[in-house]
């Protein structure tokens, strides 16, 4: 096989995980704001109505929780300016493309270390999976949580480049990185350390001056957020959470105790990171390299390792109050996977001769296996998230039983681009079902209702079913419809992943039988008596059934969280 043909084949293989990633993303991504996304609507209004540059700058740079998110706000305003509306799918696209930019960085590292294109193949299979499902499908989080990683890596890589332009570019990128997410501040001391170890005094001095200015600007008018609970975890629990955080990539491995797997593999990765970090530092100080780029590689890898370990410390310390299981959350998994692909560099770069291809082939097999596990494991969470977003939008949109879109022509109401959603076809059926108990063309609704348990607790309604077996994806599934004298509320019934490995991998049965919903008596619900209906959507068929099931909500508990935006 010629070298050109091999390059084409390898390029197609490298493109495959990219194609799968964005195909899956496109299937579940929807233009509906989630949580902090609503703050971007406020920003657009403030920025558009600002009368001078001082007020525009204040809107762009003001604090959001403990972060400065000017980068995200910039892309939000750019999207609004170009298209006339804000579309959160566009923001998700920016964030996911930023994640993709890690691949050319690894390509450059491997190429300059004289490794073949084949050595890059494991990287996209490890990096592009559904493990980051929440970042993938959340506009603000995509740019903030994925963008800060890519920007930090590129900034560290460029700052140690011997040429002037890359270093100048890295100084510019420090500001963007710091204004992307709070942990982007780590790029400043890490860049200073790498330049100090590189013994470039002029660059080190300039970096320190720029860093001092950026730190001053970041913390000027800074206020400590009140939303994070105080951690009551013991030192041992924090260590346990730290190791689980580092090994969280392993959550999708099909074994019974996922947390233990993450904890144990986190210990392994931590020991690998510490040992290679010290060995790298010793090699840098000794400065005996056969070529200059080996030193550049060591400096970059040391900076990347310290960035991961430092971010892990920040997250575990600040988020342990939410519970240790939360440290396995998808929005943090990028750091675990990043540590994995940094460790891969330490494996593949030293290998020489005929051993290289067999080693890489084995790692490719493991990377592809991990990729498959990740998609199968996390697909259920992407499915549940889409349902959460669409039903939330239903509940804040329709405030009476007419189920008509409010004729709001205000600036704020028209910032976000209008997006078709599945419940548009339900609106006429809901009114019919409310009057005559049933509407639609889906069969077997009575059996579905009879096999479903409704438990009205003191503070919530719990709905459970153990027999529902549909494997349809996207918007298909079961929803809970509540009808009061004033309005309707729609809530999703979530599914759990199938624990049968045979059914999951061979038959593509992603969901375990049944569904469940826990509806708390909080906003947007109001006090009153509610009739309960089940809504079942299976592809193009929909059924809605009320069947003498009621709940009385006598008290609404506040669920508001203190925020600074």
Protein backbone atom coordinates (compact mmCIF):
# COMPACT_ATOMS: atom_id res chain seq x y z
CA UNK A 1 0.00 0.00 0.00
CA UNK A 2 1.34 3.42 -0.93
CA UNK A 3 1.95 6.09 1.70
CA UNK A 4 -0.74 8.35 0.15
CA UNK A 5 -3.37 5.60 0.24
CA UNK A 6 -2.50 4.79 3.86
CA UNK A 7 -2.82 8.45 4.78
CA UNK A 8 -6.30 8.61 3.18
CA UNK A 9 -7.43 5.48 5.02
CA UNK A 10 -6.12 6.74 8.36
CA UNK A 11 -7.76 10.13 7.77
CA UNK A 12 -11.11 8.43 7.18
CA UNK A 13 -10.65 6.40 10.38
CA UNK A 14 -9.86 9.61 12.29
CA UNK A 15 -12.96 11.25 10.81
CA UNK A 16 -15.24 8.38 11.91
CA UNK A 17 -15.46 9.25 15.65
CA UNK A 18 -15.97 12.91 14.68
CA UNK A 19 -18.88 11.95 12.39
CA UNK A 20 -20.46 9.71 15.03
CA UNK A 21 -20.07 12.35 17.73
CA UNK A 22 -21.79 15.13 15.80
CA UNK A 23 -24.47 12.80 14.42
CA UNK A 24 -25.46 11.77 17.95
CA UNK A 25 -25.21 15.37 19.10
CA UNK A 26 -27.50 16.55 16.30
CA UNK A 27 -30.09 13.88 17.17
CA UNK A 28 -30.60 15.07 20.76
CA UNK A 29 -29.51 18.73 20.76
CA UNK A 30 -32.40 21.17 21.02
CA UNK A 31 -32.59 24.95 21.17
CA UNK A 32 -33.94 25.25 24.71
CA UNK A 33 -32.08 27.10 27.48
CA UNK A 34 -30.99 25.11 30.50
CA UNK A 35 -30.44 26.66 33.96
CA UNK A 36 -27.64 29.24 33.55
CA UNK A 37 -28.47 29.61 29.85
CA UNK A 38 -31.30 31.92 30.87
CA UNK A 39 -28.68 34.41 32.08
CA UNK A 40 -27.52 34.79 28.48
CA UNK A 41 -30.96 36.09 27.53
CA UNK A 42 -30.60 38.73 30.25
CA UNK A 43 -27.13 39.58 28.96
CA UNK A 44 -28.40 40.04 25.38
CA UNK A 45 -31.07 42.45 26.59
CA UNK A 46 -28.64 44.38 28.81
CA UNK A 47 -25.99 44.59 26.11
CA UNK A 48 -28.45 45.62 23.39
CA UNK A 49 -29.99 48.34 25.53
CA UNK A 50 -26.70 49.68 26.92
CA UNK A 51 -26.23 53.28 25.85
CA UNK A 52 -22.44 53.52 26.16
CA UNK A 53 -19.38 51.30 26.09
CA UNK A 54 -19.01 51.32 29.89
CA UNK A 55 -22.41 49.66 30.38
CA UNK A 56 -21.70 47.23 27.54
CA UNK A 57 -18.38 46.29 29.13
CA UNK A 58 -20.07 45.82 32.51
CA UNK A 59 -22.64 43.46 30.96
CA UNK A 60 -19.92 41.50 29.14
CA UNK A 61 -17.46 41.09 31.99
CA UNK A 62 -19.63 40.93 35.12
CA UNK A 63 -19.34 37.92 37.41
CA UNK A 64 -21.41 34.75 36.88
CA UNK A 65 -21.25 32.58 40.01
CA UNK A 66 -17.48 32.40 40.63
CA UNK A 67 -16.66 32.79 36.93
CA UNK A 68 -16.16 35.50 34.36
CA UNK A 69 -17.83 34.16 31.22
CA UNK A 70 -17.14 36.93 28.71
CA UNK A 71 -16.13 34.34 26.08
CA UNK A 72 -19.53 32.65 26.24
CA UNK A 73 -21.31 36.00 26.23
CA UNK A 74 -19.29 37.11 23.21
CA UNK A 75 -20.39 34.08 21.19
CA UNK A 76 -23.98 34.56 22.37
CA UNK A 77 -23.97 38.18 21.17
CA UNK A 78 -22.24 37.17 17.91
CA UNK A 79 -24.94 34.57 17.28
CA UNK A 80 -27.68 37.06 18.06
CA UNK A 81 -26.09 39.71 15.82
CA UNK A 82 -25.72 37.38 12.83
CA UNK A 83 -29.02 35.49 12.98
CA UNK A 84 -31.28 38.01 14.75
CA UNK A 85 -32.03 35.48 17.49
CA UNK A 86 -30.05 33.51 20.05
CA UNK A 87 -29.88 29.80 19.26
CA UNK A 88 -28.41 27.55 21.97
CA UNK A 89 -27.61 24.82 19.45
CA UNK A 90 -25.17 27.27 17.88
CA UNK A 91 -23.47 27.78 21.25
CA UNK A 92 -23.29 24.01 21.73
CA UNK A 93 -21.67 23.76 18.29
CA UNK A 94 -18.99 26.29 19.25
CA UNK A 95 -18.21 24.39 22.46
CA UNK A 96 -18.01 21.02 20.72
CA UNK A 97 -15.79 22.45 17.97
CA UNK A 98 -13.49 23.84 20.67
CA UNK A 99 -13.23 20.31 22.09
CA UNK A 100 -12.36 19.08 18.62
CA UNK A 101 -9.39 21.49 18.55
CA UNK A 102 -7.52 19.27 21.03
CA UNK A 103 -6.99 16.71 18.24
CA UNK A 104 -4.75 18.92 16.02
CA UNK A 105 -2.71 19.78 19.12
CA UNK A 106 -2.06 16.09 19.76
CA UNK A 107 -1.36 15.62 16.06
CA UNK A 108 1.35 18.30 16.19
CA UNK A 109 2.86 16.78 19.34
CA UNK A 110 3.03 13.32 17.82
CA UNK A 111 4.24 14.53 14.41
CA UNK A 112 7.09 16.59 15.86
CA UNK A 113 8.05 13.60 17.99
CA UNK A 114 8.35 11.68 14.69
CA UNK A 115 5.33 9.45 15.23
CA UNK A 116 3.17 8.26 12.30
CA UNK A 117 -0.40 9.43 11.71
CA UNK A 118 -1.53 6.02 13.01
CA UNK A 119 -0.44 7.11 16.50
CA UNK A 120 -3.19 9.75 16.53
CA UNK A 121 -6.03 7.27 15.98
CA UNK A 122 -6.77 6.48 19.68
CA UNK A 123 -7.15 10.18 20.58
CA UNK A 124 -10.49 11.03 18.89
CA UNK A 125 -11.99 7.70 19.99
CA UNK A 126 -11.13 8.56 23.62
CA UNK A 127 -12.01 12.24 23.36
CA UNK A 128 -15.25 12.25 21.35
CA UNK A 129 -17.87 10.27 23.24
CA UNK A 130 -21.16 10.77 25.07
CA UNK A 131 -19.23 10.85 28.35
CA UNK A 132 -19.54 14.67 28.18
CA UNK A 133 -23.27 14.53 27.40
CA UNK A 134 -24.26 17.50 29.57
CA UNK A 135 -21.56 19.77 28.17
CA UNK A 136 -22.51 18.62 24.66
CA UNK A 137 -26.17 19.62 25.05
CA UNK A 138 -25.89 22.76 27.19
CA UNK A 139 -25.03 26.00 25.39
CA UNK A 140 -23.20 27.84 28.18
CA UNK A 141 -21.56 24.71 29.58
CA UNK A 142 -20.28 23.63 26.16
CA UNK A 143 -18.23 26.79 25.69
CA UNK A 144 -17.24 27.20 29.33
CA UNK A 145 -16.37 23.66 30.40
CA UNK A 146 -15.02 22.34 27.09
CA UNK A 147 -13.59 25.63 25.85
CA UNK A 148 -11.49 26.32 28.95
CA UNK A 149 -9.71 22.97 28.56
CA UNK A 150 -8.81 23.50 24.92
CA UNK A 151 -7.80 27.13 25.44
CA UNK A 152 -5.59 26.24 28.41
CA UNK A 153 -3.83 23.46 26.53
CA UNK A 154 -3.17 25.59 23.46
CA UNK A 155 -2.03 28.54 25.59
CA UNK A 156 0.50 26.40 27.46
CA UNK A 157 1.68 24.81 24.22
CA UNK A 158 2.17 28.14 22.44
CA UNK A 159 3.82 29.93 25.34
CA UNK A 160 6.79 27.52 25.28
CA UNK A 161 7.16 27.70 21.50
CA UNK A 162 10.56 29.25 20.68
CA UNK A 163 9.10 31.51 17.98
CA UNK A 164 7.85 35.01 18.82
CA UNK A 165 4.40 34.93 17.19
CA UNK A 166 3.14 31.78 19.01
CA UNK A 167 4.26 33.28 22.32
CA UNK A 168 2.52 36.58 21.54
CA UNK A 169 -0.61 34.61 20.63
CA UNK A 170 -0.42 32.74 23.94
CA UNK A 171 -0.45 36.05 25.83
CA UNK A 172 -3.64 36.98 23.99
CA UNK A 173 -5.15 33.55 24.70
CA UNK A 174 -4.52 33.90 28.45
CA UNK A 175 -7.14 36.65 28.60
CA UNK A 176 -9.68 34.59 26.65
CA UNK A 177 -8.98 31.52 28.80
CA UNK A 178 -9.39 33.42 32.08
CA UNK A 179 -12.66 34.91 30.80
CA UNK A 180 -14.01 31.48 29.83
CA UNK A 181 -14.13 29.75 33.24
CA UNK A 182 -12.75 30.26 36.74
CA UNK A 183 -10.24 27.44 36.53
CA UNK A 184 -8.81 29.16 33.46
CA UNK A 185 -6.89 31.27 35.99
CA UNK A 186 -4.61 28.25 36.42
CA UNK A 187 -3.09 28.99 33.02
CA UNK A 188 -1.32 32.02 34.52
CA UNK A 189 0.81 30.31 37.21
CA UNK A 190 1.27 27.22 35.03
CA UNK A 191 2.53 29.28 32.09
CA UNK A 192 4.85 31.16 34.45
CA UNK A 193 6.22 27.87 35.81
CA UNK A 194 6.88 26.49 32.31
CA UNK A 195 8.63 29.68 31.23
CA UNK A 196 10.69 29.68 34.42
CA UNK A 197 11.72 26.07 33.85
CA UNK A 198 12.46 26.99 30.23
CA UNK A 199 14.86 29.63 31.55
CA UNK A 200 13.51 32.39 29.35
CA UNK A 201 13.73 35.40 31.66
CA UNK A 202 12.30 38.03 29.30
CA UNK A 203 9.24 35.95 28.49
CA UNK A 204 8.81 35.04 32.14
CA UNK A 205 8.88 38.71 33.19
CA UNK A 206 6.39 39.72 30.49
CA UNK A 207 4.12 36.80 31.40
CA UNK A 208 4.16 37.83 35.07
CA UNK A 209 3.22 41.42 34.21
CA UNK A 210 0.31 40.30 32.01
CA UNK A 211 -0.78 37.77 34.65
CA UNK A 212 -0.79 40.38 37.42
CA UNK A 213 -2.98 42.65 35.32
CA UNK A 214 -5.44 39.87 34.47
CA UNK A 215 -5.68 38.69 38.08
CA UNK A 216 -6.36 42.25 39.26
CA UNK A 217 -9.08 42.73 36.65
CA UNK A 218 -10.64 39.34 37.43
CA UNK A 219 -10.97 39.92 41.17
CA UNK A 220 -11.88 43.60 41.00
CA UNK A 221 -15.47 43.82 42.32
CA UNK A 222 -15.42 40.04 42.90
CA UNK A 223 -17.96 38.66 45.40
CA UNK A 224 -17.97 35.15 46.80
CA UNK A 225 -21.00 33.13 45.58
CA UNK A 226 -23.41 31.79 48.19
CA UNK A 227 -24.92 28.92 46.24
CA UNK A 228 -22.37 26.16 46.95
CA UNK A 229 -23.08 24.19 50.15
CA UNK A 230 -20.37 23.92 52.77
CA UNK A 231 -18.59 20.60 52.43
CA UNK A 232 -18.96 18.34 55.45
CA UNK A 233 -16.87 15.58 53.91
CA UNK A 234 -13.98 14.22 55.93
CA UNK A 235 -10.40 14.27 54.67
CA UNK A 236 -10.69 10.59 53.70
CA UNK A 237 -13.89 11.28 51.77
CA UNK A 238 -12.25 14.19 49.94
CA UNK A 239 -9.34 11.95 48.96
CA UNK A 240 -11.80 9.30 47.82
CA UNK A 241 -13.71 11.88 45.81
CA UNK A 242 -10.48 13.22 44.31
CA UNK A 243 -9.43 9.79 43.07
CA UNK A 244 -12.92 9.06 41.73
CA UNK A 245 -12.85 12.40 39.89
CA UNK A 246 -9.57 11.51 38.18
CA UNK A 247 -10.86 8.06 37.22
CA UNK A 248 -14.40 9.11 36.26
CA UNK A 249 -13.80 8.14 32.62
CA UNK A 250 -14.29 4.53 33.79
CA UNK A 251 -17.93 5.03 34.80
CA UNK A 252 -19.12 3.54 31.50
CA UNK A 253 -17.17 0.29 31.93
CA UNK A 254 -19.84 -2.43 32.24
CA UNK A 255 -19.24 -3.59 35.81
CA UNK A 256 -21.51 -3.59 38.86
CA UNK A 257 -19.81 -0.95 41.04
CA UNK A 258 -19.01 2.03 38.82
CA UNK A 259 -17.85 4.32 41.64
CA UNK A 260 -15.33 1.75 42.86
CA UNK A 261 -13.97 1.33 39.32
CA UNK A 262 -13.54 5.10 39.01
CA UNK A 263 -11.90 5.27 42.45
CA UNK A 264 -9.41 2.46 41.76
CA UNK A 265 -8.51 3.62 38.25
CA UNK A 266 -8.28 7.17 39.59
CA UNK A 267 -5.62 6.00 42.03
CA UNK A 268 -3.74 4.38 39.14
CA UNK A 269 -3.95 7.54 37.03
CA UNK A 270 -2.96 9.70 40.00
CA UNK A 271 0.14 7.59 40.63
CA UNK A 272 0.98 7.64 36.93
CA UNK A 273 0.53 11.44 36.86
CA UNK A 274 2.69 11.99 39.95
CA UNK A 275 5.47 9.63 38.85
CA UNK A 276 5.61 10.93 35.28
CA UNK A 277 5.30 14.51 36.52
CA UNK A 278 8.33 14.18 38.81
CA UNK A 279 10.27 12.26 36.17
CA UNK A 280 9.45 14.97 33.62
CA UNK A 281 10.45 17.74 36.03
CA UNK A 282 13.75 15.96 36.74
CA UNK A 283 14.38 15.57 33.01
CA UNK A 284 13.67 19.27 32.40
CA UNK A 285 16.05 20.34 35.16
CA UNK A 286 18.72 17.93 33.94
CA UNK A 287 18.20 19.24 30.38
CA UNK A 288 19.73 16.34 28.48
CA UNK A 289 17.60 16.06 25.35
CA UNK A 290 18.58 14.80 21.92
CA UNK A 291 16.41 17.49 20.27
CA UNK A 292 14.63 20.67 21.41
CA UNK A 293 11.09 19.41 20.86
CA UNK A 294 11.52 16.64 23.43
CA UNK A 295 11.95 19.39 26.01
CA UNK A 296 8.89 21.23 24.64
CA UNK A 297 6.86 18.05 24.92
CA UNK A 298 7.95 17.50 28.52
CA UNK A 299 7.15 21.09 29.47
CA UNK A 300 3.70 20.89 27.88
CA UNK A 301 2.86 17.52 29.46
CA UNK A 302 3.96 18.78 32.88
CA UNK A 303 1.71 21.83 32.48
CA UNK A 304 -1.23 19.67 31.33
CA UNK A 305 -0.83 17.29 34.29
CA UNK A 306 -0.68 20.15 36.80
CA UNK A 307 -3.74 21.75 35.18
CA UNK A 308 -5.74 18.53 35.55
CA UNK A 309 -4.63 17.85 39.14
CA UNK A 310 -5.18 21.48 40.12
CA UNK A 311 -8.65 21.62 38.60
CA UNK A 312 -9.50 18.35 40.37
CA UNK A 313 -8.53 19.94 43.70
CA UNK A 314 -10.71 22.99 43.02
CA UNK A 315 -13.74 20.97 41.93
CA UNK A 316 -13.56 18.40 44.74
CA UNK A 317 -13.11 21.08 47.40
CA UNK A 318 -15.93 23.29 46.08
CA UNK A 319 -18.39 20.60 44.99
CA UNK A 320 -17.99 17.85 47.62
CA UNK A 321 -20.90 19.45 49.51
CA UNK A 322 -23.23 18.14 46.80
CA UNK A 323 -22.11 14.53 47.46
CA UNK A 324 -19.20 12.44 46.19
CA UNK A 325 -21.26 10.79 43.45
CA UNK A 326 -21.61 14.22 41.86
CA UNK A 327 -17.86 14.23 41.21
CA UNK A 328 -18.47 11.64 38.49
CA UNK A 329 -20.74 14.08 36.68
CA UNK A 330 -20.36 14.32 32.93
CA UNK A 331 -19.41 18.01 32.99
CA UNK A 332 -16.15 17.08 34.82
CA UNK A 333 -15.21 13.96 32.87
CA UNK A 334 -13.15 15.88 30.33
CA UNK A 335 -10.34 16.12 32.91
CA UNK A 336 -10.27 12.38 33.50
CA UNK A 337 -10.17 11.66 29.76
CA UNK A 338 -7.56 14.37 29.27
CA UNK A 339 -5.33 12.72 31.87
CA UNK A 340 -5.78 9.50 29.96
CA UNK A 341 -4.65 10.96 26.63
CA UNK A 342 -1.69 12.74 28.30
CA UNK A 343 -0.66 9.37 29.76
CA UNK A 344 -0.97 7.97 26.22
CA UNK A 345 1.76 10.38 25.09
CA UNK A 346 4.11 8.96 27.70
CA UNK A 347 3.40 5.47 26.36
CA UNK A 348 3.63 6.05 22.62
CA UNK A 349 6.38 8.67 22.28
CA UNK A 350 9.25 6.63 23.83
CA UNK A 351 8.46 3.52 21.76
CA UNK A 352 10.81 2.95 18.85
CA UNK A 353 11.14 0.42 16.04
CA UNK A 354 8.87 -2.53 15.26
CA UNK A 355 7.19 -2.43 18.70
CA UNK A 356 5.35 0.80 17.85
CA UNK A 357 2.62 -0.57 15.59
CA UNK A 358 1.52 -3.47 17.86
CA UNK A 359 1.36 -1.17 20.89
CA UNK A 360 -0.72 1.42 19.04
CA UNK A 361 -2.99 -1.29 17.60
CA UNK A 362 -3.73 -2.60 21.09
CA UNK A 363 -4.43 0.92 22.37
CA UNK A 364 -6.71 1.63 19.38
CA UNK A 365 -8.71 -1.48 20.26
CA UNK A 366 -9.08 -0.32 23.88
CA UNK A 367 -10.01 3.23 22.76
CA UNK A 368 -12.69 1.97 20.36
CA UNK A 369 -14.05 -0.32 23.08
CA UNK A 370 -14.22 2.60 25.50
CA UNK A 371 -15.95 4.67 22.82
CA UNK A 372 -18.64 2.01 22.33
CA UNK A 373 -19.13 1.56 26.09
CA UNK A 374 -19.49 5.30 26.54
CA UNK A 375 -22.17 5.74 23.87
CA UNK A 376 -24.18 2.79 25.15
CA UNK A 377 -23.89 3.84 28.79
CA UNK A 378 -24.63 7.56 28.47
CA UNK A 379 -27.29 7.50 25.74
CA UNK A 380 -30.02 7.16 28.38
CA UNK A 381 -28.83 10.37 30.06
CA UNK A 382 -28.92 12.31 26.79
CA UNK A 383 -32.43 10.98 26.20
CA UNK A 384 -33.62 12.01 29.68
CA UNK A 385 -32.02 15.45 29.40
CA UNK A 386 -33.87 16.26 26.16
CA UNK A 387 -37.17 15.32 27.81
CA UNK A 388 -36.35 17.48 30.85
CA UNK A 389 -35.66 20.49 28.64
CA UNK A 390 -38.77 20.19 26.46
CA UNK A 391 -41.18 19.70 29.37
CA UNK A 392 -39.60 22.58 31.29
CA UNK A 393 -40.23 24.82 28.30
CA UNK A 394 -43.85 23.64 28.14
CA UNK A 395 -44.37 24.58 31.79
CA UNK A 396 -42.93 28.10 31.52
CA UNK A 397 -44.69 28.76 28.18
CA UNK A 398 -48.36 27.94 28.81
CA UNK A 399 -49.86 29.69 31.83
CA UNK A 400 -53.54 28.86 31.21
CA UNK A 401 -55.68 26.12 29.73
CA UNK A 402 -56.03 27.75 26.34
CA UNK A 403 -52.59 26.32 25.47
CA UNK A 404 -51.93 29.24 23.16
CA UNK A 405 -48.49 30.71 22.77
CA UNK A 406 -48.45 34.08 24.59
CA UNK A 407 -48.56 36.97 22.09
CA UNK A 408 -45.55 38.64 23.72
CA UNK A 409 -43.84 41.09 21.38
CA UNK A 410 -41.37 42.41 23.95
CA UNK A 411 -37.65 42.40 23.22
CA UNK A 412 -36.88 39.83 25.95
CA UNK A 413 -39.54 37.37 24.77
CA UNK A 414 -38.10 37.24 21.26
CA UNK A 415 -34.39 36.87 21.97
CA UNK A 416 -34.31 33.07 21.60
CA UNK A 417 -35.12 31.62 18.20
CA UNK A 418 -38.41 29.72 18.13
CA UNK A 419 -37.87 25.99 17.72
CA UNK A 420 -40.43 23.28 16.83
CA UNK A 421 -40.95 20.83 19.69
CA UNK A 422 -42.78 17.53 19.96
CA UNK A 423 -45.56 18.84 22.20
CA UNK A 424 -46.84 21.18 19.46
CA UNK A 425 -48.79 18.19 18.14
CA UNK A 426 -50.14 17.45 21.63
CA UNK A 427 -51.80 20.76 22.35
CA UNK A 428 -55.15 19.97 20.73
CA UNK A 429 -55.12 16.42 22.13
CA UNK A 430 -54.56 17.64 25.71
CA UNK A 431 -57.76 19.72 25.68
CA UNK A 432 -59.76 16.82 24.20
CA UNK A 433 -58.40 14.35 26.76
CA UNK A 434 -59.17 16.74 29.61
CA UNK A 435 -62.83 16.81 28.50
CA UNK A 436 -63.38 13.14 27.57
CA UNK A 437 -60.53 11.37 29.49
CA UNK A 438 -58.79 10.05 26.33
CA UNK A 439 -57.35 11.39 23.09
CA UNK A 440 -54.93 10.13 20.46
CA UNK A 441 -54.22 7.08 18.33
CA UNK A 442 -52.00 5.00 20.63
CA UNK A 443 -53.39 1.65 21.77
CA UNK A 444 -53.00 0.03 25.19
CA UNK A 445 -53.18 3.19 27.29
CA UNK A 446 -55.49 1.57 29.84
CA UNK A 447 -53.05 -1.28 30.47
CA UNK A 448 -50.20 1.23 30.74
CA UNK A 449 -52.14 3.22 33.34
CA UNK A 450 -53.14 0.10 35.30
CA UNK A 451 -49.51 -1.05 35.47
CA UNK A 452 -48.34 2.33 36.77
CA UNK A 453 -48.22 3.24 40.47
CA UNK A 454 -48.91 6.79 41.69
CA UNK A 455 -47.68 7.60 45.19
CA UNK A 456 -48.53 11.01 46.64
CA UNK A 457 -45.95 11.76 49.32
CA UNK A 458 -45.78 14.81 51.58
CA UNK A 459 -43.53 16.78 49.26
CA UNK A 460 -43.72 15.04 45.89
CA UNK A 461 -45.60 12.75 43.52
CA UNK A 462 -43.80 9.52 42.63
CA UNK A 463 -44.80 7.64 39.49
CA UNK A 464 -43.36 4.18 38.78
CA UNK A 465 -43.86 1.51 36.16
CA UNK A 466 -41.92 -1.76 35.81
CA UNK A 467 -43.33 -3.14 32.55
CA UNK A 468 -42.97 -0.44 29.87
CA UNK A 469 -40.55 -1.83 27.25
CA UNK A 470 -40.33 0.62 24.35
CA UNK A 471 -36.82 1.21 22.98
CA UNK A 472 -37.74 4.24 20.85
CA UNK A 473 -35.43 7.23 21.25
CA UNK A 474 -35.42 11.03 21.05
CA UNK A 475 -38.86 12.38 22.16
CA UNK A 476 -40.64 9.04 22.41
CA UNK A 477 -41.59 7.72 25.83
CA UNK A 478 -44.00 8.51 28.65
CA UNK A 479 -44.85 11.89 30.17
CA UNK A 480 -46.94 12.86 33.18
CA UNK A 481 -49.65 15.46 32.58
CA UNK A 482 -51.16 17.31 35.53
CA UNK A 483 -54.37 19.29 35.07
CA UNK A 484 -55.61 21.85 37.62
CA UNK A 485 -58.55 24.22 37.25
CA UNK A 486 -56.18 26.88 35.89
CA UNK A 487 -53.53 25.20 33.73
CA UNK A 488 -51.60 22.10 32.65
CA UNK A 489 -48.15 20.89 33.64
CA UNK A 490 -46.06 18.36 31.74
CA UNK A 491 -43.27 16.31 33.35
CA UNK A 492 -40.99 13.62 31.89
CA UNK A 493 -40.91 10.01 32.98
CA UNK A 494 -37.23 9.08 32.97
CA UNK A 495 -35.78 5.74 31.93
CA UNK A 496 -32.87 3.82 33.43
CA UNK A 497 -30.16 2.06 31.46
CA UNK A 498 -30.38 -1.65 30.71
CA UNK A 499 -28.00 -3.58 32.96
CA UNK A 500 -28.13 -6.68 30.80
CA UNK A 501 -24.91 -6.51 28.79
CA UNK A 502 -26.20 -9.07 26.29
CA UNK A 503 -29.36 -7.10 25.53
CA UNK A 504 -27.52 -3.78 25.57
CA UNK A 505 -24.69 -4.60 23.18
CA UNK A 506 -26.23 -7.32 21.01
CA UNK A 507 -29.88 -6.23 20.78
CA UNK A 508 -29.40 -2.48 21.33
CA UNK A 509 -31.91 -2.47 24.20
CA UNK A 510 -30.73 0.73 25.87
CA UNK A 511 -33.51 1.00 28.44
CA UNK A 512 -34.45 -1.27 31.32
CA UNK A 513 -38.17 -2.09 31.54
CA UNK A 514 -40.31 0.59 33.14
CA UNK A 515 -40.07 4.29 33.85
CA UNK A 516 -40.19 6.58 36.87
CA UNK A 517 -40.88 10.19 37.74
CA UNK A 518 -40.42 12.16 40.94
CA UNK A 519 -42.36 15.42 40.73
CA UNK A 520 -41.60 17.73 43.69
CA UNK A 521 -44.20 20.16 44.93
CA UNK A 522 -42.13 23.18 43.98
CA UNK A 523 -42.22 25.90 41.36
CA UNK A 524 -43.78 25.87 38.74
CA UNK A 525 -46.58 23.95 40.53
CA UNK A 526 -49.20 25.85 42.49
CA UNK A 527 -51.46 24.81 45.35
CA UNK A 528 -54.57 22.94 44.25
CA UNK A 529 -56.13 19.67 43.13
CA UNK A 530 -54.71 18.01 40.03
CA UNK A 531 -56.03 15.29 37.73
CA UNK A 532 -53.23 13.01 36.52
CA UNK A 533 -52.85 11.69 32.98
CA UNK A 534 -50.26 9.59 31.22
CA UNK A 535 -49.00 10.74 27.84
CA UNK A 536 -47.35 8.09 25.68
CA UNK A 537 -45.53 9.01 22.49
CA UNK A 538 -44.23 6.19 20.31
CA UNK A 539 -42.87 7.58 17.08
CA UNK A 540 -45.77 9.27 15.29
CA UNK A 541 -48.44 7.83 17.57
CA UNK A 542 -49.59 9.55 20.75
CA UNK A 543 -52.10 8.68 23.47
CA UNK A 544 -53.29 10.72 26.47
CA UNK A 545 -55.39 9.12 29.23
CA UNK A 546 -56.92 10.47 32.46
CA UNK A 547 -58.25 7.73 34.75
CA UNK A 548 -59.62 8.92 38.12
CA UNK A 549 -56.21 9.66 39.59
CA UNK A 550 -55.84 12.87 41.57
CA UNK A 551 -53.40 14.59 43.92
CA UNK A 552 -53.82 17.53 46.26
CA UNK A 553 -50.92 19.95 46.61
CA UNK A 554 -51.39 21.92 49.82
CA UNK A 555 -47.92 23.40 50.19
CA UNK A 556 -45.31 24.60 47.72
CA UNK A 557 -41.68 24.41 48.81
CA UNK A 558 -39.28 27.08 47.57
CA UNK A 559 -36.58 25.78 45.25
CA UNK A 560 -34.86 29.06 44.48
CA UNK A 561 -31.08 29.18 44.69
CA UNK A 562 -29.14 32.35 45.43
CA UNK A 563 -27.28 33.50 42.34
CA UNK A 564 -25.32 36.60 41.39
CA UNK A 565 -26.72 36.86 37.87
